[in-house]
């Protein structure tokens, strides 16, 4: 009875904070209507966004007002409780997010949910015809990628609710704080993200994009999402300067915010010795020449074009963005396999990118090197390898190696299962591996498997992969388990004292 009352009190506060996040999601649905100022002929699409956004704002604010703790600092959710909130909020976001696509683009619920999940998880795989889609829909797609990539819910809650945000930030995989106080840390992240966007929009406009294209491509490049306003993606513009700017934006989006903050503070030494940066540079120095020599040089007319393609596609794949300047129909298997490896590795931890993450791969590389060296050291020698994250040095313990190895195992197992699922629909192993690696890495590159007429079971399988990868498997598993266990306690009717005594007498 006491534990049940304790859970009721905890979940009242959790639902109150969930209300704040639902209201913020509602605002994200309303913001695309700003395009009506410039394109008033699209006003007929306003009800689709209002019907999705206004109820969430009203319900969310009511929950926050009625149930959220009134005294700041009186409630701090644990990481497991944070995982419950994050799971519920994301399920609501991707479900309600399908409504505008269904009402405006005439998609089925499966197609609308796929597009919504692809947007919020910053994947970029799409079943919408962007050439015929209204501008309000195009901006909506970019906004949900911007919000989902930034971990908008956790950042906003951290700023609004003080210490309550710490457990929620960790639950969404953003446990690293830029400052001791979570609210100050959230404010720094927001300023960095806002600065990125302003600079990117202006740069792309000066490079030749329209304001509308510049806004959308900046949003989705920094979110490492890859939704474009053009069917040919960045290749539509055929502009080396635009490609260079987009490459910079993709790299910034895939950069750990803690590492970016270190760079902004002028600590270049800490930036250079950061393990993720070193691994990223090493990968580019290896894969770009390989792609150039073994793939692109034999396809495109001159060395300049071949190099442009090799660099852009490598950065897009590793950052998990999914922009492209070319199609892959004439690429050989080696080039596609290199992209699969890059999509699987992914970007920096705590960034907007997906994949296994550079930090985990770097830890595994260091661990292998450590084991090799330890084999030749005296038996009782103490020698722990270390890595740098921002300005902090941390040692690689056996516990960390165990966690990383377990996550990588789950990731690779999921990749195999998803590949088999797509292959079961009649696609080749190569195409199946590429498409699910793109889905699981929340990248968005495609070899043509993802289409509006794809089987619903295929779209739902890929949607599940995107969702699990974005929230990371353990967060979803723990969130679902805690909801199930706590739900059984909350839904079980407690016995009255008289009933308890009667049962004990009967037992006696």
Foldseek 3Di string as FASTA:
>chain_A
DVVLVVVVLQVLQLQLLLLVLLLVLLVLLQVLCVCCVVVVVPVVLNVQSCVLRVVSNVRSNVSNVPRHDPDFPPDADALLSLLLSVVVSVVSSLQSQLRSCCVQVVADSLQSSLLSLLQLLLLAAHAGDLVPGDLSVLVSSLSSLLCSLLVVSLLVSCLVRWNNSQSNCVLQQQNDFLDPTSNVRSVLSVVVSVVQQVVQLVQLVVQPDDSSQSNSLLSLLLLLRAHGSDPLFPLVVVGLSNLVSSLVSLQNQLDAPLLVVLVVVPVVVLNVQALLVVVVVVLCVPQLVVCLVPWQVVPDDDSVVSSSQSNSLLSLLLSLNAGHSDACPRTDLVNLVSSLVSLQAHGDRNGSWFHLHSVLVSLVVVVVVVVVVCVPDPPPDDDWDWGRDRNDIDTRDPVNNVVSVVLSVVLVVLLVVQLVVLVVVPDDSSQSSSVLSSLLRSRRHHNPQRYSPHDSVNSVSSSVSSVCRSSPPVSNVSSVVVCVVSVVSNPDDDDDPVVVVVVVVVVD
